[in-house]
Amino acid sequence: METKIDFELSAEMKTILEERLQEDESTYLTGEESIKQLNEKYGL
């Protein structure tokens, strides 16, 4: 049985996402690359 969880973005989350949309696409990182870098930096 699948449980549906409603999730609402906070104003801070929306601001961060909007800032990301404005970033230069030539320096864009994929989600996978971003996670890889975080793992390397913080040992996650």
PDB file of N, CA and C in Angstrom:
ATOM      1  N   MET A   1       0.830  -1.185   0.000  1.00  0.00           N
ATOM      2  CA  MET A   1       0.000   0.000   0.000  1.00  0.00           C
ATOM      3  C   MET A   1       0.880   1.255   0.000  1.00  0.00           C
ATOM      4  N   GLU A   2       0.622   2.137  -0.895  1.00  0.00           N
ATOM      5  CA  GLU A   2       1.407   3.357  -1.025  1.00  0.00           C
ATOM      6  C   GLU A   2       0.788   4.465  -0.188  1.00  0.00           C
ATOM      7  N   THR A   3       1.624   5.141   0.605  1.00  0.00           N
ATOM      8  CA  THR A   3       1.161   6.243   1.423  1.00  0.00           C
ATOM      9  C   THR A   3       1.509   7.543   0.735  1.00  0.00           C
ATOM     10  N   LYS A   4       0.514   8.391   0.560  1.00  0.00           N
ATOM     11  CA  LYS A   4       0.753   9.683  -0.072  1.00  0.00           C
ATOM     12  C   LYS A   4       1.072  10.705   1.011  1.00  0.00           C
ATOM     13  N   ILE A   5       2.194  11.404   0.830  1.00  0.00           N
ATOM     14  CA  ILE A   5       2.601  12.439   1.776  1.00  0.00           C
ATOM     15  C   ILE A   5       2.605  13.764   1.039  1.00  0.00           C
ATOM     16  N   ASP A   6       1.794  14.682   1.510  1.00  0.00           N
ATOM     17  CA  ASP A   6       1.788  16.022   0.937  1.00  0.00           C
ATOM     18  C   ASP A   6       2.991  16.794   1.449  1.00  0.00           C
ATOM     19  N   PHE A   7       3.645  17.485   0.552  1.00  0.00           N
ATOM     20  CA  PHE A   7       4.835  18.243   0.925  1.00  0.00           C
ATOM     21  C   PHE A   7       4.716  19.624   0.316  1.00  0.00           C
ATOM     22  N   GLU A   8       4.954  20.625   1.131  1.00  0.00           N
ATOM     23  CA  GLU A   8       4.882  21.997   0.647  1.00  0.00           C
ATOM     24  C   GLU A   8       6.247  22.651   0.779  1.00  0.00           C
ATOM     25  N   LEU A   9       6.682  23.318  -0.272  1.00  0.00           N
ATOM     26  CA  LEU A   9       7.969  24.010  -0.245  1.00  0.00           C
ATOM     27  C   LEU A   9       7.864  25.272   0.599  1.00  0.00           C
ATOM     28  N   SER A  10       8.875  25.498   1.410  1.00  0.00           N
ATOM     29  CA  SER A  10       8.923  26.726   2.204  1.00  0.00           C
ATOM     30  C   SER A  10       9.345  27.883   1.292  1.00  0.00           C
ATOM     31  N   ALA A  11       9.177  29.077   1.779  1.00  0.00           N
ATOM     32  CA  ALA A  11       9.601  30.254   1.018  1.00  0.00           C
ATOM     33  C   ALA A  11      11.100  30.202   0.744  1.00  0.00           C
ATOM     34  N   GLU A  12      11.876  29.731   1.740  1.00  0.00           N
ATOM     35  CA  GLU A  12      13.330  29.621   1.564  1.00  0.00           C
ATOM     36  C   GLU A  12      13.673  28.626   0.461  1.00  0.00           C
ATOM     37  N   MET A  13      12.991  27.497   0.449  1.00  0.00           N
ATOM     38  CA  MET A  13      13.238  26.483  -0.589  1.00  0.00           C
ATOM     39  C   MET A  13      12.913  27.041  -1.971  1.00  0.00           C
ATOM     40  N   LYS A  14      11.812  27.753  -2.069  1.00  0.00           N
ATOM     41  CA  LYS A  14      11.413  28.342  -3.354  1.00  0.00           C
ATOM     42  C   LYS A  14      12.446  29.357  -3.820  1.00  0.00           C
ATOM     43  N   THR A  15      12.965  30.157  -2.896  1.00  0.00           N
ATOM     44  CA  THR A  15      13.985  31.154  -3.233  1.00  0.00           C
ATOM     45  C   THR A  15      15.232  30.478  -3.767  1.00  0.00           C
ATOM     46  N   ILE A  16      15.668  29.407  -3.099  1.00  0.00           N
ATOM     47  CA  ILE A  16      16.859  28.680  -3.545  1.00  0.00           C
ATOM     48  C   ILE A  16      16.638  28.105  -4.931  1.00  0.00           C
ATOM     49  N   LEU A  17      15.477  27.527  -5.171  1.00  0.00           N
ATOM     50  CA  LEU A  17      15.187  26.963  -6.490  1.00  0.00           C
ATOM     51  C   LEU A  17      15.155  28.043  -7.563  1.00  0.00           C
ATOM     52  N   GLU A  18      14.583  29.196  -7.254  1.00  0.00           N
ATOM     53  CA  GLU A  18      14.554  30.297  -8.211  1.00  0.00           C
ATOM     54  C   GLU A  18      15.973  30.781  -8.530  1.00  0.00           C
ATOM     55  N   GLU A  19      16.822  30.843  -7.500  1.00  0.00           N
ATOM     56  CA  GLU A  19      18.217  31.240  -7.728  1.00  0.00           C
ATOM     57  C   GLU A  19      18.927  30.235  -8.619  1.00  0.00           C
ATOM     58  N   ARG A  20      18.659  28.963  -8.413  1.00  0.00           N
ATOM     59  CA  ARG A  20      19.281  27.921  -9.235  1.00  0.00           C
ATOM     60  C   ARG A  20      18.857  28.062 -10.694  1.00  0.00           C
ATOM     61  N   LEU A  21      17.607  28.430 -10.921  1.00  0.00           N
ATOM     62  CA  LEU A  21      17.129  28.598 -12.291  1.00  0.00           C
ATOM     63  C   LEU A  21      17.844  29.732 -13.015  1.00  0.00           C
ATOM     64  N   GLN A  22      18.362  30.686 -12.256  1.00  0.00           N
ATOM     65  CA  GLN A  22      19.038  31.841 -12.849  1.00  0.00           C
ATOM     66  C   GLN A  22      20.527  31.607 -13.083  1.00  0.00           C
ATOM     67  N   GLU A  23      21.050  30.452 -12.646  1.00  0.00           N
ATOM     68  CA  GLU A  23      22.477  30.177 -12.798  1.00  0.00           C
ATOM     69  C   GLU A  23      22.859  29.955 -14.259  1.00  0.00           C
ATOM     70  N   ASP A  24      24.115  30.214 -14.544  1.00  0.00           N
ATOM     71  CA  ASP A  24      24.670  30.020 -15.877  1.00  0.00           C
ATOM     72  C   ASP A  24      24.625  28.535 -16.236  1.00  0.00           C
ATOM     73  N   GLU A  25      23.969  28.210 -17.317  1.00  0.00           N
ATOM     74  CA  GLU A  25      23.823  26.808 -17.719  1.00  0.00           C
ATOM     75  C   GLU A  25      25.149  26.143 -18.086  1.00  0.00           C
ATOM     76  N   SER A  26      26.157  26.938 -18.442  1.00  0.00           N
ATOM     77  CA  SER A  26      27.437  26.340 -18.814  1.00  0.00           C
ATOM     78  C   SER A  26      28.162  25.756 -17.602  1.00  0.00           C
ATOM     79  N   THR A  27      27.775  26.178 -16.402  1.00  0.00           N
ATOM     80  CA  THR A  27      28.393  25.645 -15.189  1.00  0.00           C
ATOM     81  C   THR A  27      27.427  24.739 -14.424  1.00  0.00           C
ATOM     82  N   TYR A  28      26.341  24.342 -15.082  1.00  0.00           N
ATOM     83  CA  TYR A  28      25.309  23.523 -14.453  1.00  0.00           C
ATOM     84  C   TYR A  28      25.833  22.143 -14.059  1.00  0.00           C
ATOM     85  N   LEU A  29      25.465  21.680 -12.875  1.00  0.00           N
ATOM     86  CA  LEU A  29      25.781  20.331 -12.427  1.00  0.00           C
ATOM     87  C   LEU A  29      24.498  19.508 -12.397  1.00  0.00           C
ATOM     88  N   THR A  30      24.591  18.277 -12.826  1.00  0.00           N
ATOM     89  CA  THR A  30      23.438  17.388 -12.712  1.00  0.00           C
ATOM     90  C   THR A  30      23.239  17.051 -11.241  1.00  0.00           C
ATOM     91  N   GLY A  31      22.078  16.549 -10.908  1.00  0.00           N
ATOM     92  CA  GLY A  31      21.826  16.107  -9.545  1.00  0.00           C
ATOM     93  C   GLY A  31      22.815  15.055  -9.109  1.00  0.00           C
ATOM     94  N   GLU A  32      23.118  14.127 -10.015  1.00  0.00           N
ATOM     95  CA  GLU A  32      24.070  13.053  -9.701  1.00  0.00           C
ATOM     96  C   GLU A  32      25.461  13.612  -9.417  1.00  0.00           C
ATOM     97  N   GLU A  33      25.900  14.568 -10.220  1.00  0.00           N
ATOM     98  CA  GLU A  33      27.223  15.163 -10.023  1.00  0.00           C
ATOM     99  C   GLU A  33      27.260  15.964  -8.728  1.00  0.00           C
ATOM    100  N   SER A  34      26.198  16.665  -8.437  1.00  0.00           N
ATOM    101  CA  SER A  34      26.114  17.433  -7.209  1.00  0.00           C
ATOM    102  C   SER A  34      26.209  16.523  -5.986  1.00  0.00           C
ATOM    103  N   ILE A  35      25.486  15.423  -5.993  1.00  0.00           N
ATOM    104  CA  ILE A  35      25.524  14.460  -4.890  1.00  0.00           C
ATOM    105  C   ILE A  35      26.913  13.840  -4.770  1.00  0.00           C
ATOM    106  N   LYS A  36      27.529  13.550  -5.909  1.00  0.00           N
ATOM    107  CA  LYS A  36      28.878  12.982  -5.900  1.00  0.00           C
ATOM    108  C   LYS A  36      29.852  13.942  -5.218  1.00  0.00           C
ATOM    109  N   GLN A  37      29.779  15.213  -5.555  1.00  0.00           N
ATOM    110  CA  GLN A  37      30.677  16.196  -4.962  1.00  0.00           C
ATOM    111  C   GLN A  37      30.416  16.349  -3.465  1.00  0.00           C
ATOM    112  N   LEU A  38      29.145  16.331  -3.052  1.00  0.00           N
ATOM    113  CA  LEU A  38      28.821  16.422  -1.629  1.00  0.00           C
ATOM    114  C   LEU A  38      29.353  15.205  -0.876  1.00  0.00           C
ATOM    115  N   ASN A  39      29.224  14.029  -1.490  1.00  0.00           N
ATOM    116  CA  ASN A  39      29.750  12.806  -0.870  1.00  0.00           C
ATOM    117  C   ASN A  39      31.252  12.900  -0.688  1.00  0.00           C
ATOM    118  N   GLU A  40      31.952  13.400  -1.699  1.00  0.00           N
ATOM    119  CA  GLU A  40      33.411  13.511  -1.620  1.00  0.00           C
ATOM    120  C   GLU A  40      33.833  14.545  -0.572  1.00  0.00           C
ATOM    121  N   LYS A  41      33.100  15.644  -0.514  1.00  0.00           N
ATOM    122  CA  LYS A  41      33.467  16.722   0.401  1.00  0.00           C
ATOM    123  C   LYS A  41      33.126  16.406   1.861  1.00  0.00           C
ATOM    124  N   TYR A  42      31.931  15.815   2.080  1.00  0.00           N
ATOM    125  CA  TYR A  42      31.445  15.624   3.440  1.00  0.00           C
ATOM    126  C   TYR A  42      31.382  14.159   3.869  1.00  0.00           C
ATOM    127  N   GLY A  43      31.750  13.247   2.976  1.00  0.00           N
ATOM    128  CA  GLY A  43      31.733  11.846   3.324  1.00  0.00           C
ATOM    129  C   GLY A  43      30.328  11.326   3.624  1.00  0.00           C
ATOM    130  N   LEU A  44      29.367  11.811   2.884  1.00  0.00           N
ATOM    131  CA  LEU A  44      27.977  11.392   3.097  1.00  0.00           C
ATOM    132  C   LEU A  44      27.726  10.001   2.561  1.00  0.00           C
TER     133      LEU A  44
END
